[in-house]
C-alpha atoms as a PDB file:
ATOM      1  CA  MET A   1     136.951  91.166  45.228  1.00  0.00           C
ATOM      2  CA  LEU A   2     138.973  90.307  41.658  1.00  0.00           C
ATOM      3  CA  GLU A   3     141.951  91.420  42.864  1.00  0.00           C
ATOM      4  CA  ARG A   4     142.008  88.769  45.558  1.00  0.00           C
ATOM      5  CA  TYR A   5     145.645  88.239  45.152  1.00  0.00           C
ATOM      6  CA  GLY A   6     146.484  92.001  44.186  1.00  0.00           C
ATOM      7  CA  HIS A   7     146.439  91.752  40.491  1.00  0.00           C
ATOM      8  CA  GLY A   8     144.682  91.487  37.775  1.00  0.00           C
ATOM      9  CA  GLY A   9     144.219  88.999  35.320  1.00  0.00           C
ATOM     10  CA  ASP A  10     142.626  86.599  37.796  1.00  0.00           C
ATOM     11  CA  LEU A  11     140.087  84.758  35.389  1.00  0.00           C
ATOM     12  CA  VAL A  12     139.850  81.635  37.727  1.00  0.00           C
ATOM     13  CA  THR A  13     138.589  83.859  40.295  1.00  0.00           C
ATOM     14  CA  ALA A  14     136.538  86.181  37.823  1.00  0.00           C
ATOM     15  CA  SER A  15     135.036  82.713  36.734  1.00  0.00           C
ATOM     16  CA  GLY A  16     133.803  82.156  40.184  1.00  0.00           C
ATOM     17  CA  LEU A  17     132.599  84.978  41.084  1.00  0.00           C
ATOM     18  CA  TYR A  18     130.723  85.622  37.603  1.00  0.00           C
ATOM     19  CA  GLY A  19     129.494  81.721  36.879  1.00  0.00           C
ATOM     20  CA  ILE A  20     131.301  82.694  33.466  1.00  0.00           C
ATOM     21  CA  PRO A  21     133.689  80.329  31.940  1.00  0.00           C
ATOM     22  CA  ALA A  22     137.664  81.402  32.216  1.00  0.00           C
ATOM     23  CA  ASP A  23     137.651  81.655  28.468  1.00  0.00           C
ATOM     24  CA  GLN A  24     134.873  83.499  27.555  1.00  0.00           C
ATOM     25  CA  PHE A  25     135.705  87.138  29.450  1.00  0.00           C
ATOM     26  CA  ILE A  26     137.504  89.552  27.531  1.00  0.00           C
ATOM     27  CA  ASP A  27     140.105  90.603  30.007  1.00  0.00           C
ATOM     28  CA  PHE A  28     140.446  94.386  30.499  1.00  0.00           C
ATOM     29  CA  SER A  29     142.336  93.899  34.011  1.00  0.00           C
ATOM     30  CA  SER A  30     145.529  92.811  32.609  1.00  0.00           C
ATOM     31  CA  ASN A  31     147.800  94.636  30.636  1.00  0.00           C
ATOM     32  CA  MET A  32     148.716  92.352  27.897  1.00  0.00           C
ATOM     33  CA  ASN A  33     149.965  92.520  24.349  1.00  0.00           C
ATOM     34  CA  PRO A  34     145.868  92.180  22.495  1.00  0.00           C
ATOM     35  CA  PHE A  35     148.067  90.304  19.495  1.00  0.00           C
ATOM     36  CA  GLY A  36     148.939  87.346  22.033  1.00  0.00           C
ATOM     37  CA  PRO A  37     152.158  85.361  21.792  1.00  0.00           C
ATOM     38  CA  PRO A  38     154.216  85.598  18.719  1.00  0.00           C
ATOM     39  CA  ASP A  39     153.730  82.849  16.428  1.00  0.00           C
ATOM     40  CA  ALA A  40     157.418  81.602  17.566  1.00  0.00           C
ATOM     41  CA  VAL A  41     156.313  80.724  20.265  1.00  0.00           C
ATOM     42  CA  HIS A  42     154.270  77.698  19.333  1.00  0.00           C
ATOM     43  CA  SER A  43     157.193  76.983  16.763  1.00  0.00           C
ATOM     44  CA  VAL A  44     159.338  76.572  20.106  1.00  0.00           C
ATOM     45  CA  ILE A  45     156.942  74.405  21.987  1.00  0.00           C
ATOM     46  CA  GLU A  46     156.386  72.363  19.316  1.00  0.00           C
ATOM     47  CA  ALA A  47     159.815  71.701  18.139  1.00  0.00           C
ATOM     48  CA  ARG A  48     161.644  71.661  21.373  1.00  0.00           C
ATOM     49  CA  TRP A  49     159.267  69.929  23.657  1.00  0.00           C
ATOM     50  CA  ARG A  50     161.376  66.534  24.117  1.00  0.00           C
ATOM     51  CA  GLU A  51     163.984  68.946  25.191  1.00  0.00           C
ATOM     52  CA  LEU A  52     162.294  69.301  28.608  1.00  0.00           C
ATOM     53  CA  GLU A  53     163.679  66.091  30.011  1.00  0.00           C
ATOM     54  CA  ARG A  54     167.408  68.160  30.446  1.00  0.00           C
ATOM     55  CA  TYR A  55     167.890  70.742  32.904  1.00  0.00           C
ATOM     56  CA  PRO A  56     167.795  74.622  32.015  1.00  0.00           C
ATOM     57  CA  ASP A  57     171.346  76.289  31.348  1.00  0.00           C
ATOM     58  CA  PRO A  58     171.432  77.767  34.756  1.00  0.00           C
ATOM     59  CA  ALA A  59     173.246  80.833  33.320  1.00  0.00           C
ATOM     60  CA  VAL A  60     170.836  81.586  30.715  1.00  0.00           C
ATOM     61  CA  ARG A  61     173.815  81.884  28.426  1.00  0.00           C
ATOM     62  CA  GLY A  62     171.625  81.969  24.742  1.00  0.00           C
ATOM     63  CA  LEU A  63     168.832  84.679  25.937  1.00  0.00           C
ATOM     64  CA  ARG A  64     171.398  86.782  27.798  1.00  0.00           C
ATOM     65  CA  SER A  65     173.892  87.245  24.932  1.00  0.00           C
ATOM     66  CA  LYS A  66     170.865  88.194  22.499  1.00  0.00           C
ATOM     67  CA  LEU A  67     169.570  90.601  24.851  1.00  0.00           C
ATOM     68  CA  ALA A  68     173.309  92.143  25.004  1.00  0.00           C
ATOM     69  CA  ARG A  69     173.583  92.281  21.517  1.00  0.00           C
ATOM     70  CA  LYS A  70     169.803  93.949  20.801  1.00  0.00           C
ATOM     71  CA  HIS A  71     170.714  96.371  23.745  1.00  0.00           C
ATOM     72  CA  GLY A  72     174.372  96.927  23.263  1.00  0.00           C
ATOM     73  CA  LEU A  73     175.734  95.851  26.523  1.00  0.00           C
ATOM     74  CA  TYR A  74     178.242  93.228  27.986  1.00  0.00           C
ATOM     75  CA  GLU A  75     176.372  90.075  29.049  1.00  0.00           C
ATOM     76  CA  ASP A  76     177.638  90.106  32.714  1.00  0.00           C
ATOM     77  CA  ARG A  77     175.661  93.421  32.882  1.00  0.00           C
ATOM     78  CA  ILE A  78     172.617  91.188  32.095  1.00  0.00           C
ATOM     79  CA  LEU A  79     170.474  88.932  34.497  1.00  0.00           C
ATOM     80  CA  CYS A  80     167.656  86.909  33.598  1.00  0.00           C
ATOM     81  CA  GLY A  81     164.668  85.823  36.385  1.00  0.00           C
ATOM     82  CA  ASN A  82     161.255  84.306  36.575  1.00  0.00           C
ATOM     83  CA  GLY A  83     159.488  87.281  35.788  1.00  0.00           C
ATOM     84  CA  ALA A  84     159.844  91.465  36.405  1.00  0.00           C
ATOM     85  CA  ALA A  85     158.970  90.085  40.337  1.00  0.00           C
ATOM     86  CA  GLU A  86     161.587  87.959  41.393  1.00  0.00           C
ATOM     87  CA  LEU A  87     164.075  90.710  40.245  1.00  0.00           C
ATOM     88  CA  ILE A  88     162.619  93.307  42.407  1.00  0.00           C
ATOM     89  CA  GLU A  89     162.907  91.257  45.105  1.00  0.00           C
ATOM     90  CA  LEU A  90     166.397  90.426  44.528  1.00  0.00           C
ATOM     91  CA  ALA A  91     167.228  93.837  43.747  1.00  0.00           C
ATOM     92  CA  VAL A  92     165.816  94.808  47.092  1.00  0.00           C
ATOM     93  CA  ARG A  93     167.847  91.913  48.865  1.00  0.00           C
ATOM     94  CA  THR A  94     170.811  92.609  46.948  1.00  0.00           C
ATOM     95  CA  ALA A  95     171.044  96.440  48.430  1.00  0.00           C
ATOM     96  CA  PRO A  96     172.979  97.084  51.512  1.00  0.00           C
ATOM     97  CA  LEU A  97     170.058  97.726  53.520  1.00  0.00           C
ATOM     98  CA  GLY A  98     170.096  97.018  57.485  1.00  0.00           C
ATOM     99  CA  SER A  99     167.220  97.528  59.856  1.00  0.00           C
ATOM    100  CA  GLY A 100     165.426 100.790  60.071  1.00  0.00           C
ATOM    101  CA  SER A 101     166.129 101.364  56.122  1.00  0.00           C
ATOM    102  CA  VAL A 102     164.164 103.439  54.035  1.00  0.00           C
ATOM    103  CA  ILE A 103     162.696 102.763  50.642  1.00  0.00           C
ATOM    104  CA  GLY A 104     161.016 105.517  48.814  1.00  0.00           C
ATOM    105  CA  ILE A 105     157.971 104.751  46.314  1.00  0.00           C
ATOM    106  CA  VAL A 106     155.547 107.040  44.693  1.00  0.00           C
ATOM    107  CA  VAL A 107     151.892 106.449  45.331  1.00  0.00           C
ATOM    108  CA  PRO A 108     149.591 105.573  43.056  1.00  0.00           C
ATOM    109  CA  GLY A 109     152.353 102.989  42.156  1.00  0.00           C
ATOM    110  CA  PHE A 110     152.787  99.333  41.683  1.00  0.00           C
ATOM    111  CA  GLY A 111     152.183  97.387  45.092  1.00  0.00           C
ATOM    112  CA  GLU A 112     154.796  94.807  44.727  1.00  0.00           C
ATOM    113  CA  TYR A 113     157.616  97.664  45.733  1.00  0.00           C
ATOM    114  CA  ALA A 114     155.985  98.353  49.007  1.00  0.00           C
ATOM    115  CA  GLU A 115     155.676  94.352  49.585  1.00  0.00           C
ATOM    116  CA  ALA A 116     159.200  93.895  48.487  1.00  0.00           C
ATOM    117  CA  ALA A 117     160.123  96.369  51.401  1.00  0.00           C
ATOM    118  CA  HIS A 118     158.321  95.161  54.017  1.00  0.00           C
ATOM    119  CA  LYS A 119     159.272  91.237  53.339  1.00  0.00           C
ATOM    120  CA  PHE A 120     162.603  92.533  54.117  1.00  0.00           C
ATOM    121  CA  GLY A 121     162.251  94.976  57.041  1.00  0.00           C
ATOM    122  CA  ALA A 122     162.744  98.509  55.026  1.00  0.00           C
ATOM    123  CA  ARG A 123     160.423 101.238  55.751  1.00  0.00           C
ATOM    124  CA  THR A 124     158.759 102.716  52.875  1.00  0.00           C
ATOM    125  CA  ILE A 125     158.074 106.409  52.715  1.00  0.00           C
ATOM    126  CA  ARG A 126     155.637 107.876  49.920  1.00  0.00           C
ATOM    127  CA  VAL A 127     155.833 110.555  47.418  1.00  0.00           C
ATOM    128  CA  PRO A 128     152.409 111.320  46.245  1.00  0.00           C
ATOM    129  CA  LEU A 129     151.127 111.876  42.513  1.00  0.00           C
ATOM    130  CA  LEU A 130     148.187 114.193  42.408  1.00  0.00           C
ATOM    131  CA  GLU A 131     145.260 114.057  40.496  1.00  0.00           C
ATOM    132  CA  GLU A 132     145.312 117.604  39.797  1.00  0.00           C
ATOM    133  CA  GLU A 133     148.887 117.608  37.982  1.00  0.00           C
ATOM    134  CA  GLY A 134     147.695 114.547  36.233  1.00  0.00           C
ATOM    135  CA  PHE A 135     149.618 111.874  38.336  1.00  0.00           C
ATOM    136  CA  ARG A 136     153.005 113.121  37.194  1.00  0.00           C
ATOM    137  CA  LEU A 137     155.786 112.689  39.248  1.00  0.00           C
ATOM    138  CA  SER A 138     157.066 116.225  40.700  1.00  0.00           C
ATOM    139  CA  GLU A 139     160.305 116.784  40.813  1.00  0.00           C
ATOM    140  CA  GLU A 140     159.938 119.047  43.992  1.00  0.00           C
ATOM    141  CA  ARG A 141     157.924 116.563  45.672  1.00  0.00           C
ATOM    142  CA  ILE A 142     160.532 113.751  45.277  1.00  0.00           C
ATOM    143  CA  MET A 143     163.989 115.839  45.981  1.00  0.00           C
ATOM    144  CA  ALA A 144     162.015 117.258  48.949  1.00  0.00           C
ATOM    145  CA  VAL A 145     161.722 113.586  50.572  1.00  0.00           C
ATOM    146  CA  ALA A 146     165.030 112.929  49.008  1.00  0.00           C
ATOM    147  CA  HIS A 147     167.159 115.593  51.267  1.00  0.00           C
ATOM    148  CA  GLU A 148     165.237 115.321  53.821  1.00  0.00           C
ATOM    149  CA  ALA A 149     164.266 111.458  54.908  1.00  0.00           C
ATOM    150  CA  HIS A 150     167.408 110.257  52.858  1.00  0.00           C
ATOM    151  CA  PRO A 151     166.051 106.767  51.455  1.00  0.00           C
ATOM    152  CA  ASP A 152     168.573 104.253  50.698  1.00  0.00           C
ATOM    153  CA  LEU A 153     166.571 102.853  48.205  1.00  0.00           C
ATOM    154  CA  TRP A 154     164.081 104.098  45.255  1.00  0.00           C
ATOM    155  CA  LEU A 155     161.613 101.906  43.695  1.00  0.00           C
ATOM    156  CA  LEU A 156     160.168 103.591  40.703  1.00  0.00           C
ATOM    157  CA  GLY A 157     157.969 102.721  37.270  1.00  0.00           C
ATOM    158  CA  SER A 158     158.756 103.991  34.291  1.00  0.00           C
ATOM    159  CA  PRO A 159     156.209 103.988  32.735  1.00  0.00           C
ATOM    160  CA  ASN A 160     154.310 103.663  36.321  1.00  0.00           C
ATOM    161  CA  ASN A 161     151.533 101.229  36.881  1.00  0.00           C
ATOM    162  CA  PRO A 162     148.634 102.446  37.145  1.00  0.00           C
ATOM    163  CA  THR A 163     149.095 106.012  36.224  1.00  0.00           C
ATOM    164  CA  GLY A 164     151.211 105.130  32.418  1.00  0.00           C
ATOM    165  CA  MET A 165     153.490 108.063  33.200  1.00  0.00           C
ATOM    166  CA  ALA A 166     157.362 107.685  32.768  1.00  0.00           C
ATOM    167  CA  VAL A 167     159.947 109.222  34.963  1.00  0.00           C
ATOM    168  CA  ASP A 168     162.476 112.184  33.340  1.00  0.00           C
ATOM    169  CA  ARG A 169     166.283 111.171  33.217  1.00  0.00           C
ATOM    170  CA  GLU A 170     167.165 114.173  34.325  1.00  0.00           C
ATOM    171  CA  LEU A 171     165.243 113.509  38.060  1.00  0.00           C
ATOM    172  CA  VAL A 172     166.800 109.740  38.165  1.00  0.00           C
ATOM    173  CA  MET A 173     170.256 111.612  37.597  1.00  0.00           C
ATOM    174  CA  LYS A 174     169.361 113.917  40.205  1.00  0.00           C
ATOM    175  CA  LEU A 175     168.393 110.823  42.706  1.00  0.00           C
ATOM    176  CA  LEU A 176     171.213 109.248  41.904  1.00  0.00           C
ATOM    177  CA  ASP A 177     173.737 112.007  43.259  1.00  0.00           C
ATOM    178  CA  THR A 178     172.239 111.679  46.730  1.00  0.00           C
ATOM    179  CA  GLY A 179     173.701 108.646  46.799  1.00  0.00           C
ATOM    180  CA  ALA A 180     170.975 105.922  46.833  1.00  0.00           C
ATOM    181  CA  LEU A 181     170.463 103.281  45.009  1.00  0.00           C
ATOM    182  CA  VAL A 182     167.647 103.828  42.270  1.00  0.00           C
ATOM    183  CA  VAL A 183     165.787 100.976  40.750  1.00  0.00           C
ATOM    184  CA  ILE A 184     163.796 101.824  37.625  1.00  0.00           C
ATOM    185  CA  ASP A 185     161.078  99.303  36.819  1.00  0.00           C
ATOM    186  CA  GLU A 186     160.722  99.647  32.898  1.00  0.00           C
ATOM    187  CA  ALA A 187     158.276  96.749  32.219  1.00  0.00           C
ATOM    188  CA  PHE A 188     155.856  98.367  30.294  1.00  0.00           C
ATOM    189  CA  LEU A 189     158.772 100.730  28.462  1.00  0.00           C
ATOM    190  CA  ASP A 190     158.440  98.578  25.340  1.00  0.00           C
ATOM    191  CA  PHE A 191     154.686  99.755  24.731  1.00  0.00           C
ATOM    192  CA  ASP A 192     156.459 103.168  24.274  1.00  0.00           C
ATOM    193  CA  PRO A 193     157.865 104.256  20.437  1.00  0.00           C
ATOM    194  CA  ASP A 194     160.550 106.796  22.814  1.00  0.00           C
ATOM    195  CA  ASP A 195     161.498 103.430  24.161  1.00  0.00           C
ATOM    196  CA  GLU A 196     165.388 103.683  22.909  1.00  0.00           C
ATOM    197  CA  LYS A 197     165.570 107.192  23.724  1.00  0.00           C
ATOM    198  CA  ARG A 198     163.744 106.808  27.156  1.00  0.00           C
ATOM    199  CA  THR A 199     165.547 103.533  28.568  1.00  0.00           C
ATOM    200  CA  LEU A 200     168.372 103.740  30.970  1.00  0.00           C
ATOM    201  CA  MET A 201     169.295 100.130  30.616  1.00  0.00           C
ATOM    202  CA  ARG A 202     173.070 101.509  29.272  1.00  0.00           C
ATOM    203  CA  GLU A 203     173.462 103.980  32.168  1.00  0.00           C
ATOM    204  CA  ALA A 204     172.746 101.648  34.634  1.00  0.00           C
ATOM    205  CA  ALA A 205     175.143  98.987  32.965  1.00  0.00           C
ATOM    206  CA  GLU A 206     178.021 101.632  34.072  1.00  0.00           C
ATOM    207  CA  ARG A 207     176.648 103.139  37.472  1.00  0.00           C
ATOM    208  CA  PRO A 208     176.983 101.233  40.294  1.00  0.00           C
ATOM    209  CA  ASN A 209     173.675 102.342  41.887  1.00  0.00           C
ATOM    210  CA  LEU A 210     171.381 102.278  38.995  1.00  0.00           C
ATOM    211  CA  LEU A 211     169.511  99.175  38.271  1.00  0.00           C
ATOM    212  CA  VAL A 212     167.059  98.698  35.688  1.00  0.00           C
ATOM    213  CA  ILE A 213     164.423  96.121  35.114  1.00  0.00           C
ATOM    214  CA  ARG A 214     162.789  94.791  32.405  1.00  0.00           C
ATOM    215  CA  SER A 215     159.470  92.180  31.603  1.00  0.00           C
ATOM    216  CA  MET A 216     159.323  90.394  28.769  1.00  0.00           C
ATOM    217  CA  THR A 217     155.640  88.964  29.323  1.00  0.00           C
ATOM    218  CA  LYS A 218     153.868  92.109  28.926  1.00  0.00           C
ATOM    219  CA  PHE A 219     154.977  93.250  25.311  1.00  0.00           C
ATOM    220  CA  TYR A 220     155.206  89.814  24.071  1.00  0.00           C
ATOM    221  CA  ALA A 221     151.906  88.318  25.901  1.00  0.00           C
ATOM    222  CA  ILE A 222     153.516  85.203  27.527  1.00  0.00           C
ATOM    223  CA  PRO A 223     152.742  86.103  31.087  1.00  0.00           C
ATOM    224  CA  GLY A 224     152.455  82.345  31.898  1.00  0.00           C
ATOM    225  CA  ILE A 225     155.737  81.873  31.258  1.00  0.00           C
ATOM    226  CA  ARG A 226     157.150  84.476  33.648  1.00  0.00           C
ATOM    227  CA  LEU A 227     160.426  86.235  32.270  1.00  0.00           C
ATOM    228  CA  GLY A 228     162.017  89.327  32.799  1.00  0.00           C
ATOM    229  CA  TYR A 229     165.760  90.636  33.121  1.00  0.00           C
ATOM    230  CA  ALA A 230     167.594  93.279  34.684  1.00  0.00           C
ATOM    231  CA  VAL A 231     170.364  95.677  33.934  1.00  0.00           C
ATOM    232  CA  GLY A 232     173.099  96.745  36.306  1.00  0.00           C
ATOM    233  CA  SER A 233     176.754  97.271  36.601  1.00  0.00           C
ATOM    234  CA  ALA A 234     178.511  93.535  36.907  1.00  0.00           C
ATOM    235  CA  LYS A 235     179.112  94.139  40.301  1.00  0.00           C
ATOM    236  CA  THR A 236     175.514  94.653  40.799  1.00  0.00           C
ATOM    237  CA  ILE A 237     174.446  92.083  38.930  1.00  0.00           C
ATOM    238  CA  GLU A 238     176.759  89.364  40.202  1.00  0.00           C
ATOM    239  CA  SER A 239     175.308  90.238  43.745  1.00  0.00           C
ATOM    240  CA  MET A 240     171.713  89.392  42.447  1.00  0.00           C
ATOM    241  CA  ARG A 241     172.973  86.212  40.709  1.00  0.00           C
ATOM    242  CA  SER A 242     174.406  85.091  43.719  1.00  0.00           C
ATOM    243  CA  LEU A 243     171.053  85.181  45.762  1.00  0.00           C
ATOM    244  CA  GLN A 244     168.796  84.188  42.610  1.00  0.00           C
ATOM    245  CA  THR A 245     167.355  80.740  43.177  1.00  0.00           C
ATOM    246  CA  GLN A 246     169.196  78.056  40.626  1.00  0.00           C
ATOM    247  CA  TRP A 247     167.117  77.608  37.456  1.00  0.00           C
ATOM    248  CA  SER A 248     164.841  80.133  38.078  1.00  0.00           C
ATOM    249  CA  VAL A 249     164.502  80.772  34.134  1.00  0.00           C
ATOM    250  CA  ASN A 250     163.072  77.515  32.958  1.00  0.00           C
ATOM    251  CA  SER A 251     164.240  76.183  29.805  1.00  0.00           C
ATOM    252  CA  LEU A 252     160.870  76.857  27.663  1.00  0.00           C
ATOM    253  CA  ALA A 253     161.132  80.514  29.059  1.00  0.00           C
ATOM    254  CA  GLN A 254     164.811  81.055  27.973  1.00  0.00           C
ATOM    255  CA  TRP A 255     164.140  79.037  24.355  1.00  0.00           C
ATOM    256  CA  ILE A 256     160.933  81.777  23.740  1.00  0.00           C
ATOM    257  CA  GLY A 257     162.551  84.835  24.847  1.00  0.00           C
ATOM    258  CA  GLU A 258     165.383  84.187  22.676  1.00  0.00           C
ATOM    259  CA  ALA A 259     162.856  83.290  19.867  1.00  0.00           C
ATOM    260  CA  VAL A 260     160.317  86.448  20.036  1.00  0.00           C
ATOM    261  CA  LEU A 261     163.402  88.720  20.053  1.00  0.00           C
ATOM    262  CA  ASP A 262     164.018  87.978  16.326  1.00  0.00           C
ATOM    263  CA  ASP A 263     160.237  88.848  15.622  1.00  0.00           C
ATOM    264  CA  LYS A 264     160.647  92.851  14.607  1.00  0.00           C
ATOM    265  CA  LEU A 265     157.339  92.713  12.447  1.00  0.00           C
ATOM    266  CA  TYR A 266     155.672  91.531  15.906  1.00  0.00           C
ATOM    267  CA  ALA A 267     156.921  94.585  17.477  1.00  0.00           C
ATOM    268  CA  LYS A 268     156.368  97.355  14.496  1.00  0.00           C
ATOM    269  CA  ARG A 269     152.790  95.845  14.550  1.00  0.00           C
ATOM    270  CA  THR A 270     152.015  96.542  18.305  1.00  0.00           C
ATOM    271  CA  ARG A 271     153.929  99.871  18.262  1.00  0.00           C
ATOM    272  CA  GLN A 272     151.478 101.058  15.188  1.00  0.00           C
ATOM    273  CA  TRP A 273     148.558  99.714  16.683  1.00  0.00           C
ATOM    274  CA  LEU A 274     148.865 101.196  20.132  1.00  0.00           C
ATOM    275  CA  ALA A 275     149.526 104.551  18.474  1.00  0.00           C
ATOM    276  CA  GLU A 276     146.185 104.819  16.930  1.00  0.00           C
ATOM    277  CA  GLU A 277     144.228 102.507  19.626  1.00  0.00           C
ATOM    278  CA  ARG A 278     145.242 104.006  22.716  1.00  0.00           C
ATOM    279  CA  PRO A 279     143.996 107.897  21.679  1.00  0.00           C
ATOM    280  CA  TRP A 280     140.854 106.239  20.129  1.00  0.00           C
ATOM    281  CA  LEU A 281     139.558 104.624  23.588  1.00  0.00           C
ATOM    282  CA  SER A 282     140.752 107.434  25.675  1.00  0.00           C
ATOM    283  CA  ALA A 283     138.545 109.945  23.623  1.00  0.00           C
ATOM    284  CA  ALA A 284     135.626 107.329  23.787  1.00  0.00           C
ATOM    285  CA  LEU A 285     135.851 106.899  27.451  1.00  0.00           C
ATOM    286  CA  ASN A 286     136.043 110.877  27.892  1.00  0.00           C
ATOM    287  CA  HIS A 287     132.778 110.985  25.624  1.00  0.00           C
ATOM    288  CA  LEU A 288     131.105 108.855  28.451  1.00  0.00           C
ATOM    289  CA  GLY A 289     131.696 111.280  30.598  1.00  0.00           C
ATOM    290  CA  CYS A 290     135.244 109.530  32.185  1.00  0.00           C
ATOM    291  CA  LYS A 291     137.982 111.602  32.882  1.00  0.00           C
ATOM    292  CA  VAL A 292     140.875 109.891  31.161  1.00  0.00           C
ATOM    293  CA  PHE A 293     144.538 110.268  32.289  1.00  0.00           C
ATOM    294  CA  GLU A 294     147.414 110.848  29.910  1.00  0.00           C
ATOM    295  CA  SER A 295     149.374 107.134  29.172  1.00  0.00           C
ATOM    296  CA  ARG A 296     152.192 106.329  27.290  1.00  0.00           C
ATOM    297  CA  THR A 297     151.919 102.907  27.419  1.00  0.00           C
ATOM    298  CA  ASN A 298     148.621  99.726  26.644  1.00  0.00           C
ATOM    299  CA  TYR A 299     146.748 100.847  29.950  1.00  0.00           C
ATOM    300  CA  LEU A 300     144.565 103.946  30.968  1.00  0.00           C
ATOM    301  CA  LEU A 301     143.969 104.933  34.311  1.00  0.00           C
ATOM    302  CA  VAL A 302     140.166 106.149  34.379  1.00  0.00           C
ATOM    303  CA  LYS A 303     138.120 108.113  36.638  1.00  0.00           C
ATOM    304  CA  LEU A 304     134.339 107.339  36.332  1.00  0.00           C
ATOM    305  CA  PRO A 305     132.078 109.954  35.920  1.00  0.00           C
ATOM    306  CA  GLN A 306     130.363 111.892  38.653  1.00  0.00           C
ATOM    307  CA  GLU A 307     126.804 111.538  37.843  1.00  0.00           C
ATOM    308  CA  TYR A 308     127.461 107.727  37.949  1.00  0.00           C
ATOM    309  CA  THR A 309     126.664 107.014  41.965  1.00  0.00           C
ATOM    310  CA  ALA A 310     128.321 103.677  42.540  1.00  0.00           C
ATOM    311  CA  ASN A 311     132.000 102.807  42.996  1.00  0.00           C
ATOM    312  CA  ALA A 312     134.605 101.225  41.076  1.00  0.00           C
ATOM    313  CA  ALA A 313     133.936  97.970  42.771  1.00  0.00           C
ATOM    314  CA  GLU A 314     130.469  97.993  42.025  1.00  0.00           C
ATOM    315  CA  LEU A 315     130.940  98.915  38.254  1.00  0.00           C
ATOM    316  CA  GLN A 316     133.494  96.115  38.378  1.00  0.00           C
ATOM    317  CA  ARG A 317     130.878  93.819  39.660  1.00  0.00           C
ATOM    318  CA  GLN A 318     128.312  95.169  36.930  1.00  0.00           C
ATOM    319  CA  MET A 319     130.611  94.604  33.897  1.00  0.00           C
ATOM    320  CA  GLY A 320     131.987  91.035  35.324  1.00  0.00           C
ATOM    321  CA  ALA A 321     128.449  89.820  34.803  1.00  0.00           C
ATOM    322  CA  ARG A 322     128.518  91.052  31.407  1.00  0.00           C
ATOM    323  CA  GLY A 323     131.895  89.123  30.654  1.00  0.00           C
ATOM    324  CA  VAL A 324     134.115  92.170  30.624  1.00  0.00           C
ATOM    325  CA  LEU A 325     136.888  92.581  33.223  1.00  0.00           C
ATOM    326  CA  ILE A 326     138.201  95.453  34.668  1.00  0.00           C
ATOM    327  CA  ARG A 327     140.946  96.479  37.230  1.00  0.00           C
ATOM    328  CA  ASP A 328     139.192  98.817  40.618  1.00  0.00           C
ATOM    329  CA  ALA A 329     142.054 100.999  40.960  1.00  0.00           C
ATOM    330  CA  SER A 330     141.116 101.674  44.420  1.00  0.00           C
ATOM    331  CA  HIS A 331     143.243  99.093  45.316  1.00  0.00           C
ATOM    332  CA  PHE A 332     146.203 101.396  44.387  1.00  0.00           C
ATOM    333  CA  ASP A 333     147.462 103.287  47.703  1.00  0.00           C
ATOM    334  CA  GLY A 334     146.710 106.865  46.653  1.00  0.00           C
ATOM    335  CA  LEU A 335     143.785 106.369  44.757  1.00  0.00           C
ATOM    336  CA  ASN A 336     140.122 106.209  45.773  1.00  0.00           C
ATOM    337  CA  ASP A 337     136.759 104.024  44.989  1.00  0.00           C
ATOM    338  CA  ARG A 338     136.146 106.458  41.765  1.00  0.00           C
ATOM    339  CA  PHE A 339     138.860 104.776  39.770  1.00  0.00           C
ATOM    340  CA  ILE A 340     139.393 102.197  37.538  1.00  0.00           C
ATOM    341  CA  ARG A 341     142.465 100.541  35.039  1.00  0.00           C
ATOM    342  CA  VAL A 342     141.611  99.269  31.492  1.00  0.00           C
ATOM    343  CA  ALA A 343     144.252  97.643  29.351  1.00  0.00           C
ATOM    344  CA  VAL A 344     143.872  99.110  25.407  1.00  0.00           C
ATOM    345  CA  LYS A 345     142.867  96.211  23.268  1.00  0.00           C
ATOM    346  CA  LEU A 346     141.742  95.500  19.783  1.00  0.00           C
ATOM    347  CA  ARG A 347     139.422  97.520  18.311  1.00  0.00           C
ATOM    348  CA  ASP A 348     136.071  95.365  18.712  1.00  0.00           C
ATOM    349  CA  GLN A 349     136.981  94.588  22.054  1.00  0.00           C
ATOM    350  CA  ASN A 350     137.631  98.135  23.005  1.00  0.00           C
ATOM    351  CA  GLU A 351     134.476  98.338  21.586  1.00  0.00           C
ATOM    352  CA  GLN A 352     132.617  95.503  23.837  1.00  0.00           C
ATOM    353  CA  LEU A 353     133.898  97.462  26.991  1.00  0.00           C
ATOM    354  CA  LEU A 354     132.321 101.044  25.674  1.00  0.00           C
ATOM    355  CA  SER A 355     129.399  99.355  25.062  1.00  0.00           C
ATOM    356  CA  ALA A 356     129.214  97.400  28.417  1.00  0.00           C
ATOM    357  CA  MET A 357     130.344 100.584  30.090  1.00  0.00           C
ATOM    358  CA  SER A 358     127.678 102.682  28.299  1.00  0.00           C
ATOM    359  CA  ASP A 359     125.131 100.258  29.723  1.00  0.00           C
ATOM    360  CA  CYS A 360     126.343 100.175  33.452  1.00  0.00           C
ATOM    361  CA  LEU A 361     127.021 104.055  33.466  1.00  0.00           C
ATOM    362  CA  GLY A 362     123.415 104.545  32.103  1.00  0.00           C
ATOM    363  CA  GLY A 363     124.515 106.174  29.095  1.00  0.00           C
END
């Protein structure tokens, strides 16, 4: 199984499974910016590697200052972390949860939400996203759960992974009115052209029961660095900081984070590419007989054609043997073995995906 550790992008496992060197795969199982890291990343490593003999800044002051200016926030409303995963766990640890606490999630959704809840003894309650509704979050269903089960905490992706749809701002406000702590994971929102309109960071900075988590690894293609940040009230951020492991954000991550924020052309180029490539790839997959669901970000949830008698795991195996990696989406709670998830990549890579899928699907 390619998702041995619960994620895509595991090239070491893929190499062992398919007997292909790791650097020869085209990896659609991981949702990274296909342009690769901005040039500034190489410049930082080349210019500052000797400084690694020093400890990192424990308060991450340079990066927090840049993020505060970028988003129009106070610095004490921002906490940087070792990727979004660390910040999700810190959010759960910081919440006033006791024995028998309930955390609300949607399914299908990012598996680490439920994992974080279980690590700290909370019970999860699941709100299903339905295929016949395009996997959009139903206000009626989630509010019914909110009023009947009274979750202490909500963990929601916006855009949701693997479905790619954002949560409506008005719905988040209604959840906040129930008194629950609401954590919105905006790890992929940078790819949305309406990012600044959709983000809830400014609201989170002022509201004690709203927290927003952002990732810098997806948009800037630096997953090996591990970097993310949370935005919340000053009290919430201080509570999270008090539980955080010292120096969890290393020096390279801090310097690279500061550098990539200055590359406005990279950000513009990325959004222009995605606005053209995502609908093109979606249409091409539909032409192969797949059902492709609407997405606001850089990945697509895809249902296999009825005529294809094998399942997602078999298609993943067949594609992997051809050097193309896809995500078997049946590992997401709420999806069956007819679903896969693919990243949107550059045109020549997408054409190789389509060629391999056509062969495997018998097209």
